[in-house]
N, C-alpha and C. Protein backbone atom coordinates (compact mmCIF):
# COMPACT_ATOMS: atom_id res chain seq x y z
N MET A 1 130.56 181.44 100.49
CA MET A 1 130.67 180.81 101.81
C MET A 1 131.69 179.67 101.71
N GLU A 2 132.61 179.64 102.68
CA GLU A 2 133.61 178.57 102.64
C GLU A 2 132.95 177.22 102.88
N LYS A 3 133.57 176.19 102.31
CA LYS A 3 132.99 174.84 102.32
C LYS A 3 132.71 174.31 103.73
N ASP A 4 133.65 174.50 104.65
CA ASP A 4 133.47 173.98 106.02
C ASP A 4 132.27 174.63 106.70
N LEU A 5 132.17 175.95 106.51
CA LEU A 5 131.05 176.68 107.11
C LEU A 5 129.73 176.21 106.51
N GLU A 6 129.71 176.03 105.18
CA GLU A 6 128.49 175.58 104.52
C GLU A 6 128.10 174.18 105.00
N ARG A 7 129.10 173.29 105.14
CA ARG A 7 128.81 171.94 105.61
C ARG A 7 128.22 171.97 107.02
N SER A 8 128.83 172.76 107.91
CA SER A 8 128.31 172.87 109.29
C SER A 8 126.91 173.46 109.30
N PHE A 9 126.69 174.48 108.46
CA PHE A 9 125.38 175.12 108.38
C PHE A 9 124.33 174.11 107.93
N LEU A 10 124.64 173.34 106.90
CA LEU A 10 123.68 172.35 106.37
C LEU A 10 123.42 171.24 107.38
N GLU A 11 124.45 170.86 108.15
CA GLU A 11 124.26 169.83 109.19
C GLU A 11 123.30 170.34 110.26
N ILE A 12 123.54 171.58 110.72
CA ILE A 12 122.66 172.16 111.75
C ILE A 12 121.25 172.32 111.20
N LEU A 13 121.17 172.80 109.95
CA LEU A 13 119.86 173.01 109.34
C LEU A 13 119.09 171.69 109.25
N ALA A 14 119.76 170.64 108.79
CA ALA A 14 119.10 169.33 108.66
C ALA A 14 118.60 168.85 110.03
N ARG A 15 119.46 168.93 111.04
CA ARG A 15 119.09 168.44 112.37
C ARG A 15 117.94 169.26 112.96
N THR A 16 118.03 170.59 112.82
CA THR A 16 117.01 171.45 113.43
C THR A 16 115.69 171.43 112.64
N LEU A 17 115.77 171.18 111.35
CA LEU A 17 114.53 171.03 110.56
C LEU A 17 113.77 169.79 111.02
N VAL A 18 114.49 168.70 111.23
CA VAL A 18 113.84 167.46 111.67
C VAL A 18 113.27 167.64 113.08
N SER A 19 113.97 168.41 113.93
CA SER A 19 113.52 168.54 115.32
C SER A 19 112.55 169.71 115.54
N LEU A 20 112.18 170.44 114.48
CA LEU A 20 111.33 171.63 114.66
C LEU A 20 110.05 171.37 115.47
N PRO A 21 109.27 170.32 115.18
CA PRO A 21 108.05 170.12 115.98
C PRO A 21 108.34 169.88 117.47
N PHE A 22 109.48 169.26 117.78
CA PHE A 22 109.84 168.99 119.18
C PHE A 22 110.32 170.29 119.83
N ASP A 23 111.11 171.06 119.08
CA ASP A 23 111.60 172.33 119.61
C ASP A 23 110.45 173.32 119.83
N LEU A 24 109.43 173.22 118.98
CA LEU A 24 108.26 174.09 119.10
C LEU A 24 107.59 173.88 120.47
N LYS A 25 107.64 172.65 120.97
CA LYS A 25 107.03 172.36 122.28
C LYS A 25 107.70 173.15 123.40
N ILE A 26 109.00 173.44 123.25
CA ILE A 26 109.70 174.23 124.27
C ILE A 26 109.11 175.65 124.28
N LEU A 27 108.86 176.19 123.09
CA LEU A 27 108.22 177.51 123.01
C LEU A 27 106.82 177.48 123.61
N LEU A 28 106.07 176.41 123.32
CA LEU A 28 104.71 176.29 123.87
C LEU A 28 104.75 176.23 125.39
N GLU A 29 105.76 175.58 125.93
CA GLU A 29 105.92 175.54 127.39
C GLU A 29 106.23 176.93 127.93
N ALA A 30 107.02 177.69 127.17
CA ALA A 30 107.37 179.06 127.60
C ALA A 30 106.12 179.95 127.64
N VAL A 31 105.22 179.76 126.68
CA VAL A 31 103.98 180.57 126.62
C VAL A 31 103.20 180.39 127.92
N SER A 32 103.16 179.17 128.42
CA SER A 32 102.32 178.89 129.60
C SER A 32 103.08 178.92 130.92
N ASP A 33 104.36 179.33 130.88
CA ASP A 33 105.17 179.35 132.11
C ASP A 33 104.96 180.66 132.87
N PRO A 34 104.21 180.61 134.00
CA PRO A 34 103.89 181.85 134.73
C PRO A 34 105.11 182.49 135.39
N ASN A 35 106.23 181.76 135.47
CA ASN A 35 107.43 182.32 136.11
C ASN A 35 108.28 183.16 135.16
N LEU A 36 107.96 183.09 133.88
CA LEU A 36 108.69 183.92 132.91
C LEU A 36 108.00 185.28 132.78
N ASP A 37 108.78 186.31 132.48
CA ASP A 37 108.20 187.64 132.29
C ASP A 37 107.19 187.61 131.14
N HIS A 38 106.18 188.45 131.27
CA HIS A 38 105.10 188.50 130.29
C HIS A 38 105.63 188.73 128.87
N SER A 39 106.56 189.66 128.72
CA SER A 39 107.05 189.98 127.37
C SER A 39 107.77 188.79 126.73
N ALA A 40 108.50 188.01 127.54
CA ALA A 40 109.19 186.81 127.03
C ALA A 40 108.16 185.77 126.59
N ARG A 41 107.07 185.66 127.33
CA ARG A 41 106.02 184.71 126.98
C ARG A 41 105.31 185.15 125.69
N GLU A 42 105.18 186.46 125.51
CA GLU A 42 104.60 186.97 124.26
C GLU A 42 105.51 186.67 123.07
N VAL A 43 106.82 186.79 123.26
CA VAL A 43 107.77 186.46 122.19
C VAL A 43 107.60 184.98 121.82
N ALA A 44 107.47 184.13 122.84
CA ALA A 44 107.27 182.69 122.60
C ALA A 44 105.99 182.46 121.79
N ALA A 45 104.90 183.12 122.20
CA ALA A 45 103.62 182.95 121.50
C ALA A 45 103.72 183.48 120.06
N ALA A 46 104.37 184.62 119.89
CA ALA A 46 104.53 185.21 118.55
C ALA A 46 105.32 184.27 117.64
N ALA A 47 106.37 183.67 118.19
CA ALA A 47 107.19 182.74 117.39
C ALA A 47 106.39 181.50 117.02
N VAL A 48 105.61 180.97 117.96
CA VAL A 48 104.78 179.80 117.67
C VAL A 48 103.79 180.13 116.55
N VAL A 49 103.12 181.27 116.68
CA VAL A 49 102.14 181.67 115.66
C VAL A 49 102.82 181.82 114.30
N TYR A 50 103.99 182.44 114.30
CA TYR A 50 104.71 182.65 113.04
C TYR A 50 105.05 181.30 112.38
N ILE A 51 105.45 180.34 113.19
CA ILE A 51 105.87 179.04 112.66
C ILE A 51 104.68 178.21 112.17
N ILE A 52 103.58 178.21 112.93
CA ILE A 52 102.47 177.31 112.56
C ILE A 52 101.49 177.93 111.57
N ALA A 53 101.52 179.27 111.41
CA ALA A 53 100.58 179.91 110.48
C ALA A 53 100.92 179.54 109.05
N PRO A 54 99.92 179.18 108.26
CA PRO A 54 100.20 178.81 106.87
C PRO A 54 100.67 180.01 106.06
N ARG A 55 101.66 179.80 105.19
CA ARG A 55 102.12 180.85 104.28
C ARG A 55 102.90 180.23 103.12
N GLU A 56 103.18 181.04 102.13
CA GLU A 56 103.98 180.63 100.96
C GLU A 56 103.74 179.19 100.50
N GLY A 57 102.73 179.04 99.71
CA GLY A 57 102.37 177.71 99.27
C GLY A 57 103.38 176.95 98.43
N ASN A 58 104.07 177.61 97.49
CA ASN A 58 104.85 176.83 96.53
C ASN A 58 106.36 176.85 96.79
N ILE A 59 106.73 177.00 98.03
CA ILE A 59 108.15 176.98 98.38
C ILE A 59 108.48 175.62 98.98
N GLU A 60 109.62 175.09 98.60
CA GLU A 60 110.07 173.80 99.16
C GLU A 60 109.99 173.86 100.69
N PRO A 61 109.42 172.84 101.34
CA PRO A 61 109.29 172.89 102.80
C PRO A 61 110.61 173.17 103.53
N TYR A 62 111.71 172.58 103.06
CA TYR A 62 112.96 172.79 103.80
C TYR A 62 113.43 174.24 103.72
N ILE A 63 113.04 174.96 102.68
CA ILE A 63 113.39 176.37 102.56
C ILE A 63 112.47 177.21 103.45
N ARG A 64 111.17 176.92 103.38
CA ARG A 64 110.20 177.66 104.18
C ARG A 64 110.46 177.49 105.67
N TYR A 65 110.70 176.25 106.09
CA TYR A 65 110.92 176.00 107.52
C TYR A 65 112.35 176.31 107.95
N GLY A 66 113.25 176.50 107.00
CA GLY A 66 114.61 176.93 107.33
C GLY A 66 114.58 178.26 108.07
N GLU A 67 113.70 179.13 107.62
CA GLU A 67 113.52 180.43 108.28
C GLU A 67 112.98 180.23 109.71
N ASP A 68 112.02 179.31 109.85
CA ASP A 68 111.40 179.08 111.16
C ASP A 68 112.38 178.53 112.19
N VAL A 69 113.31 177.72 111.71
CA VAL A 69 114.34 177.18 112.60
C VAL A 69 115.14 178.33 113.22
N LEU A 70 115.44 179.34 112.41
CA LEU A 70 116.16 180.52 112.89
C LEU A 70 115.30 181.33 113.86
N VAL A 71 114.05 181.58 113.46
CA VAL A 71 113.14 182.37 114.29
C VAL A 71 112.97 181.71 115.67
N LEU A 72 112.83 180.39 115.66
CA LEU A 72 112.66 179.65 116.92
C LEU A 72 113.86 179.85 117.83
N ARG A 73 115.08 179.75 117.26
CA ARG A 73 116.28 179.90 118.08
C ARG A 73 116.45 181.33 118.60
N LEU A 74 116.09 182.30 117.77
CA LEU A 74 116.16 183.69 118.22
C LEU A 74 115.14 183.94 119.34
N ALA A 75 113.98 183.31 119.22
CA ALA A 75 112.95 183.45 120.28
C ALA A 75 113.46 182.83 121.58
N LEU A 76 114.08 181.67 121.49
CA LEU A 76 114.60 181.02 122.70
C LEU A 76 115.66 181.90 123.37
N ARG A 77 116.54 182.49 122.55
CA ARG A 77 117.57 183.36 123.12
C ARG A 77 116.91 184.54 123.84
N GLN A 78 115.89 185.12 123.20
CA GLN A 78 115.17 186.25 123.78
C GLN A 78 114.52 185.85 125.12
N ILE A 79 113.91 184.68 125.15
CA ILE A 79 113.25 184.20 126.37
C ILE A 79 114.27 184.03 127.49
N LEU A 80 115.41 183.47 127.15
CA LEU A 80 116.43 183.22 128.18
C LEU A 80 117.07 184.52 128.68
N THR A 81 117.20 185.52 127.81
CA THR A 81 117.83 186.77 128.25
C THR A 81 116.83 187.73 128.88
N GLU A 82 115.55 187.64 128.46
CA GLU A 82 114.57 188.61 128.96
C GLU A 82 113.43 187.96 129.72
N GLY A 83 113.62 186.73 130.11
CA GLY A 83 112.55 186.00 130.80
C GLY A 83 112.41 186.33 132.27
N GLY A 84 113.32 187.17 132.79
CA GLY A 84 113.23 187.56 134.19
C GLY A 84 113.70 186.47 135.14
N GLU A 85 113.13 186.49 136.34
CA GLU A 85 113.57 185.55 137.40
C GLU A 85 113.30 184.10 137.05
N GLY A 86 112.32 183.84 136.20
CA GLY A 86 111.98 182.46 135.85
C GLY A 86 112.89 181.87 134.77
N ALA A 87 113.71 182.72 134.13
CA ALA A 87 114.53 182.24 133.00
C ALA A 87 115.54 181.15 133.39
N PRO A 88 116.28 181.30 134.53
CA PRO A 88 117.23 180.23 134.87
C PRO A 88 116.56 178.87 135.08
N ALA A 89 115.40 178.86 135.72
CA ALA A 89 114.68 177.59 135.94
C ALA A 89 114.21 177.01 134.61
N PHE A 90 113.78 177.89 133.70
CA PHE A 90 113.34 177.45 132.38
C PHE A 90 114.52 176.84 131.62
N ARG A 91 115.67 177.52 131.69
CA ARG A 91 116.88 177.01 131.03
C ARG A 91 117.26 175.64 131.60
N GLU A 92 117.14 175.52 132.92
CA GLU A 92 117.48 174.26 133.59
C GLU A 92 116.53 173.13 133.16
N ARG A 93 115.26 173.48 133.06
CA ARG A 93 114.23 172.50 132.70
C ARG A 93 114.48 171.90 131.30
N PHE A 94 114.99 172.73 130.39
CA PHE A 94 115.25 172.27 129.02
C PHE A 94 116.75 172.29 128.71
N ALA A 95 117.55 172.03 129.75
CA ALA A 95 119.01 172.14 129.63
C ALA A 95 119.56 171.34 128.45
N GLU A 96 119.07 170.12 128.29
CA GLU A 96 119.59 169.26 127.21
C GLU A 96 119.29 169.87 125.84
N ASP A 97 118.06 170.34 125.66
CA ASP A 97 117.65 170.92 124.37
C ASP A 97 118.35 172.25 124.09
N LEU A 98 118.60 173.01 125.16
CA LEU A 98 119.16 174.35 124.99
C LEU A 98 120.68 174.37 125.03
N SER A 99 121.30 173.22 125.29
CA SER A 99 122.76 173.19 125.47
C SER A 99 123.52 173.65 124.23
N ARG A 100 122.94 173.47 123.05
CA ARG A 100 123.65 173.84 121.82
C ARG A 100 123.21 175.19 121.27
N LEU A 101 122.29 175.87 121.96
CA LEU A 101 121.67 177.07 121.40
C LEU A 101 122.67 178.14 120.99
N SER A 102 123.58 178.53 121.89
CA SER A 102 124.48 179.63 121.53
C SER A 102 125.44 179.22 120.42
N GLN A 103 125.86 177.98 120.43
CA GLN A 103 126.73 177.46 119.37
C GLN A 103 126.00 177.48 118.02
N GLU A 104 124.73 177.05 118.02
CA GLU A 104 123.93 177.05 116.79
C GLU A 104 123.73 178.47 116.27
N LEU A 105 123.39 179.38 117.18
CA LEU A 105 123.15 180.76 116.77
C LEU A 105 124.41 181.41 116.21
N GLU A 106 125.54 181.10 116.83
CA GLU A 106 126.81 181.64 116.36
C GLU A 106 127.09 181.18 114.93
N LEU A 107 126.85 179.90 114.68
CA LEU A 107 127.09 179.36 113.34
C LEU A 107 126.09 179.93 112.33
N LEU A 108 124.84 180.04 112.73
CA LEU A 108 123.82 180.61 111.84
C LEU A 108 124.14 182.07 111.52
N ASP A 109 124.66 182.78 112.52
CA ASP A 109 125.12 184.15 112.35
C ASP A 109 126.20 184.24 111.27
N ARG A 110 127.17 183.35 111.36
CA ARG A 110 128.29 183.35 110.41
C ARG A 110 127.82 182.95 109.01
N ALA A 111 126.93 181.96 108.93
CA ALA A 111 126.49 181.45 107.63
C ALA A 111 125.53 182.41 106.94
N CYS A 112 124.60 182.98 107.69
CA CYS A 112 123.57 183.84 107.08
C CYS A 112 124.02 185.29 107.00
N GLY A 113 125.00 185.63 107.81
CA GLY A 113 125.43 187.03 107.89
C GLY A 113 124.78 187.71 109.07
N ARG A 114 125.59 188.44 109.82
CA ARG A 114 125.09 189.08 111.05
C ARG A 114 123.92 190.03 110.76
N ASP A 115 123.98 190.76 109.64
CA ASP A 115 122.93 191.74 109.33
C ASP A 115 121.58 191.05 109.10
N LEU A 116 121.61 189.94 108.38
CA LEU A 116 120.36 189.23 108.09
C LEU A 116 119.77 188.67 109.38
N VAL A 117 120.61 188.10 110.23
CA VAL A 117 120.12 187.55 111.51
C VAL A 117 119.60 188.69 112.40
N ALA A 118 120.31 189.81 112.38
CA ALA A 118 119.86 190.97 113.17
C ALA A 118 118.49 191.46 112.69
N TRP A 119 118.29 191.43 111.36
CA TRP A 119 116.98 191.82 110.82
C TRP A 119 115.89 190.86 111.33
N LEU A 120 116.17 189.55 111.24
CA LEU A 120 115.18 188.57 111.72
C LEU A 120 114.87 188.82 113.20
N ASP A 121 115.92 189.13 113.97
CA ASP A 121 115.77 189.31 115.41
C ASP A 121 115.12 190.66 115.75
N SER A 122 115.02 191.54 114.77
CA SER A 122 114.43 192.86 115.04
C SER A 122 112.93 192.87 114.76
N ARG A 123 112.39 191.74 114.32
CA ARG A 123 110.99 191.71 113.88
C ARG A 123 109.98 191.38 114.99
N TRP A 124 110.43 191.29 116.23
CA TRP A 124 109.51 190.87 117.32
C TRP A 124 108.36 191.85 117.49
N VAL A 125 108.61 193.14 117.31
CA VAL A 125 107.53 194.12 117.46
C VAL A 125 106.40 193.81 116.47
N VAL A 126 106.79 193.50 115.23
CA VAL A 126 105.81 193.17 114.19
C VAL A 126 105.15 191.82 114.48
N LEU A 127 105.97 190.82 114.82
CA LEU A 127 105.43 189.47 115.05
C LEU A 127 104.47 189.45 116.25
N ARG A 128 104.72 190.32 117.23
CA ARG A 128 103.85 190.36 118.41
C ARG A 128 102.51 191.03 118.11
N LYS A 129 102.37 191.61 116.92
CA LYS A 129 101.09 192.21 116.52
C LYS A 129 100.24 191.23 115.72
N ALA A 130 100.76 190.04 115.50
CA ALA A 130 100.05 189.05 114.68
C ALA A 130 98.73 188.65 115.34
N VAL A 131 97.83 188.16 114.49
CA VAL A 131 96.54 187.64 114.96
C VAL A 131 96.44 186.22 114.43
N TYR A 132 96.07 185.29 115.30
CA TYR A 132 95.93 183.89 114.90
C TYR A 132 94.61 183.38 115.46
N ALA A 133 93.82 182.75 114.63
CA ALA A 133 92.49 182.26 115.04
C ALA A 133 91.69 183.40 115.71
N ARG A 134 91.80 184.59 115.12
CA ARG A 134 91.14 185.80 115.60
C ARG A 134 91.55 186.20 117.02
N LYS A 135 92.71 185.75 117.44
CA LYS A 135 93.20 186.10 118.79
C LYS A 135 94.53 186.85 118.64
N LYS A 136 94.68 187.88 119.47
CA LYS A 136 95.94 188.63 119.48
C LYS A 136 96.94 187.90 120.38
N ILE A 137 98.21 188.14 120.13
CA ILE A 137 99.29 187.44 120.85
C ILE A 137 99.15 187.49 122.38
N PRO A 138 98.89 188.66 123.00
CA PRO A 138 98.79 188.67 124.48
C PRO A 138 97.72 187.72 125.03
N MET A 139 96.67 187.48 124.24
CA MET A 139 95.59 186.60 124.71
C MET A 139 96.08 185.17 124.94
N PHE A 140 97.05 184.73 124.14
CA PHE A 140 97.59 183.37 124.32
C PHE A 140 98.31 183.24 125.65
N VAL A 141 98.81 184.37 126.14
CA VAL A 141 99.53 184.38 127.42
C VAL A 141 98.56 184.60 128.58
N ASP A 142 97.61 185.52 128.40
CA ASP A 142 96.75 185.94 129.50
C ASP A 142 95.55 185.04 129.77
N ASP A 143 95.08 184.33 128.75
CA ASP A 143 93.87 183.52 128.88
C ASP A 143 94.25 182.05 128.71
N GLU A 144 94.10 181.31 129.79
CA GLU A 144 94.53 179.90 129.79
C GLU A 144 93.85 179.08 128.69
N GLU A 145 92.57 179.34 128.48
CA GLU A 145 91.82 178.61 127.47
C GLU A 145 92.37 178.88 126.06
N VAL A 146 92.68 180.15 125.80
CA VAL A 146 93.23 180.54 124.50
C VAL A 146 94.65 179.96 124.36
N GLY A 147 95.38 179.94 125.48
CA GLY A 147 96.71 179.32 125.49
C GLY A 147 96.64 177.84 125.13
N THR A 148 95.62 177.17 125.62
CA THR A 148 95.43 175.75 125.32
C THR A 148 95.14 175.55 123.83
N LEU A 149 94.39 176.48 123.25
CA LEU A 149 94.12 176.43 121.81
C LEU A 149 95.45 176.47 121.04
N LEU A 150 96.34 177.38 121.44
CA LEU A 150 97.63 177.50 120.76
C LEU A 150 98.45 176.22 120.93
N TYR A 151 98.40 175.66 122.13
CA TYR A 151 99.13 174.41 122.41
C TYR A 151 98.63 173.30 121.48
N ASP A 152 97.32 173.18 121.37
CA ASP A 152 96.72 172.15 120.51
C ASP A 152 97.08 172.37 119.04
N GLU A 153 97.08 173.64 118.62
CA GLU A 153 97.46 173.97 117.25
C GLU A 153 98.92 173.61 116.99
N GLY A 154 99.75 173.83 118.00
CA GLY A 154 101.17 173.49 117.89
C GLY A 154 101.37 171.99 117.74
N LEU A 155 100.60 171.22 118.49
CA LEU A 155 100.70 169.75 118.39
C LEU A 155 100.19 169.27 117.03
N LYS A 156 99.11 169.91 116.55
CA LYS A 156 98.56 169.56 115.23
C LYS A 156 99.60 169.85 114.14
N PHE A 157 100.30 170.98 114.29
CA PHE A 157 101.36 171.34 113.35
C PHE A 157 102.40 170.21 113.30
N GLY A 158 102.79 169.72 114.48
CA GLY A 158 103.78 168.64 114.57
C GLY A 158 103.31 167.37 113.87
N THR A 159 102.03 167.07 113.98
CA THR A 159 101.47 165.88 113.35
C THR A 159 101.51 165.98 111.82
N ASN A 160 101.25 167.19 111.31
CA ASN A 160 101.19 167.38 109.86
C ASN A 160 102.49 167.90 109.25
N TYR A 161 103.51 168.03 110.06
CA TYR A 161 104.79 168.58 109.60
C TYR A 161 105.39 167.70 108.51
N PRO A 162 105.75 168.31 107.36
CA PRO A 162 106.13 167.50 106.19
C PRO A 162 107.60 167.06 106.12
N ILE A 163 108.39 167.40 107.14
CA ILE A 163 109.83 167.11 107.04
C ILE A 163 110.24 166.01 108.00
N SER A 164 111.01 165.07 107.48
CA SER A 164 111.63 164.03 108.31
C SER A 164 113.02 163.80 107.72
N GLU A 165 113.82 162.99 108.40
CA GLU A 165 115.15 162.68 107.86
C GLU A 165 115.02 162.12 106.45
N LYS A 166 114.00 161.29 106.26
CA LYS A 166 113.79 160.63 104.96
C LYS A 166 113.44 161.65 103.86
N THR A 167 112.52 162.58 104.16
CA THR A 167 112.13 163.55 103.13
C THR A 167 113.25 164.55 102.83
N LEU A 168 114.17 164.74 103.79
CA LEU A 168 115.27 165.68 103.59
C LEU A 168 116.41 165.07 102.78
N GLU A 169 116.45 163.74 102.76
CA GLU A 169 117.56 163.05 102.10
C GLU A 169 117.83 163.60 100.70
N GLY A 170 119.06 164.00 100.46
CA GLY A 170 119.46 164.47 99.14
C GLY A 170 118.94 165.86 98.77
N ARG A 171 118.19 166.50 99.67
CA ARG A 171 117.62 167.82 99.37
C ARG A 171 118.58 168.95 99.74
N LEU A 172 119.15 168.85 100.93
CA LEU A 172 119.97 169.94 101.45
C LEU A 172 121.41 169.81 100.95
N LYS A 173 121.63 170.18 99.70
CA LYS A 173 122.98 170.08 99.14
C LYS A 173 123.72 171.41 99.22
N GLN A 174 122.96 172.51 99.22
CA GLN A 174 123.58 173.83 99.22
C GLN A 174 122.83 174.77 100.16
N ALA A 175 123.56 175.71 100.71
CA ALA A 175 122.96 176.70 101.61
C ALA A 175 122.24 177.79 100.82
N GLN A 176 122.66 178.03 99.60
CA GLN A 176 122.20 179.19 98.83
C GLN A 176 120.68 179.33 98.71
N PRO A 177 119.92 178.25 98.38
CA PRO A 177 118.46 178.43 98.27
C PRO A 177 117.82 178.97 99.55
N VAL A 178 118.30 178.51 100.70
CA VAL A 178 117.75 178.97 101.99
C VAL A 178 118.13 180.43 102.20
N LEU A 179 119.38 180.76 101.92
CA LEU A 179 119.86 182.14 102.11
C LEU A 179 119.17 183.09 101.13
N ASP A 180 118.95 182.64 99.89
CA ASP A 180 118.26 183.47 98.90
C ASP A 180 116.83 183.79 99.36
N HIS A 181 116.16 182.78 99.90
CA HIS A 181 114.79 182.96 100.41
C HIS A 181 114.77 184.03 101.52
N LEU A 182 115.69 183.91 102.45
CA LEU A 182 115.76 184.88 103.55
C LEU A 182 116.07 186.28 103.03
N GLN A 183 116.99 186.35 102.08
CA GLN A 183 117.36 187.65 101.50
C GLN A 183 116.16 188.30 100.80
N ARG A 184 115.39 187.48 100.06
CA ARG A 184 114.18 188.00 99.39
C ARG A 184 113.20 188.58 100.40
N LYS A 185 113.00 187.87 101.51
CA LYS A 185 112.06 188.33 102.54
C LYS A 185 112.56 189.64 103.16
N TRP A 186 113.87 189.72 103.37
CA TRP A 186 114.47 190.92 103.93
C TRP A 186 114.29 192.09 102.97
N ASP A 187 114.53 191.84 101.68
CA ASP A 187 114.37 192.89 100.67
C ASP A 187 112.92 193.39 100.62
N GLN A 188 111.97 192.45 100.69
CA GLN A 188 110.54 192.83 100.71
C GLN A 188 110.24 193.69 101.93
N ASP A 189 110.82 193.30 103.05
CA ASP A 189 110.61 194.01 104.31
C ASP A 189 111.16 195.44 104.21
N LYS A 190 112.32 195.59 103.59
CA LYS A 190 112.93 196.92 103.44
C LYS A 190 112.02 197.83 102.62
N LYS A 191 111.34 197.26 101.61
CA LYS A 191 110.45 198.06 100.77
C LYS A 191 109.24 198.58 101.56
N LYS A 192 108.83 197.80 102.58
CA LYS A 192 107.67 198.19 103.39
C LYS A 192 107.99 199.38 104.28
N ILE A 193 109.25 199.48 104.68
CA ILE A 193 109.64 200.56 105.60
C ILE A 193 109.82 201.83 104.77
N THR A 194 108.88 202.74 104.95
CA THR A 194 108.96 203.97 104.16
C THR A 194 109.57 205.07 105.03
N PRO A 195 110.50 205.83 104.44
CA PRO A 195 111.11 206.93 105.22
C PRO A 195 110.08 208.01 105.50
N HIS A 196 110.22 208.66 106.65
CA HIS A 196 109.26 209.72 107.04
C HIS A 196 109.52 210.99 106.26
């Protein structure tokens, strides 16, 4: 990876890692937005569950959440393109937060490789089958009480989130550890797909 691209990638990664709990709130708002299409709200719920669910204990937080930063942005793009009639109002409501989205995704595409990003973006069918707190993804959209549970879990995640500008200091020197982690997950995923 060329130096300029790596520097830009690490800058975006650092900024978006620090802002992950705040960005997660945008997804939580999408889950409960009745003006968005049901499928877009399910994508939002699936992304929230994926981000807040505990996994991989011994991986550096910035590597583990580096993947979530990507998943969150891909979910937002999906919501904006497939959110139906409510999508423009949603975009307007979070205009400031979403103003850099396409620029960020373009850079992440270049840094991670289009194929890897396409793989991440192709996992919505699987992610929408997830179960969290014994609830299936559609329940977070269809049942207000269950949706509130997810909202509270999202806020709790933000409170316990281990990354800040201070904890990141001196950590993000190279893109490779984050890219290697994503590549490993992709390779594992390929092994699961068995030819018919």
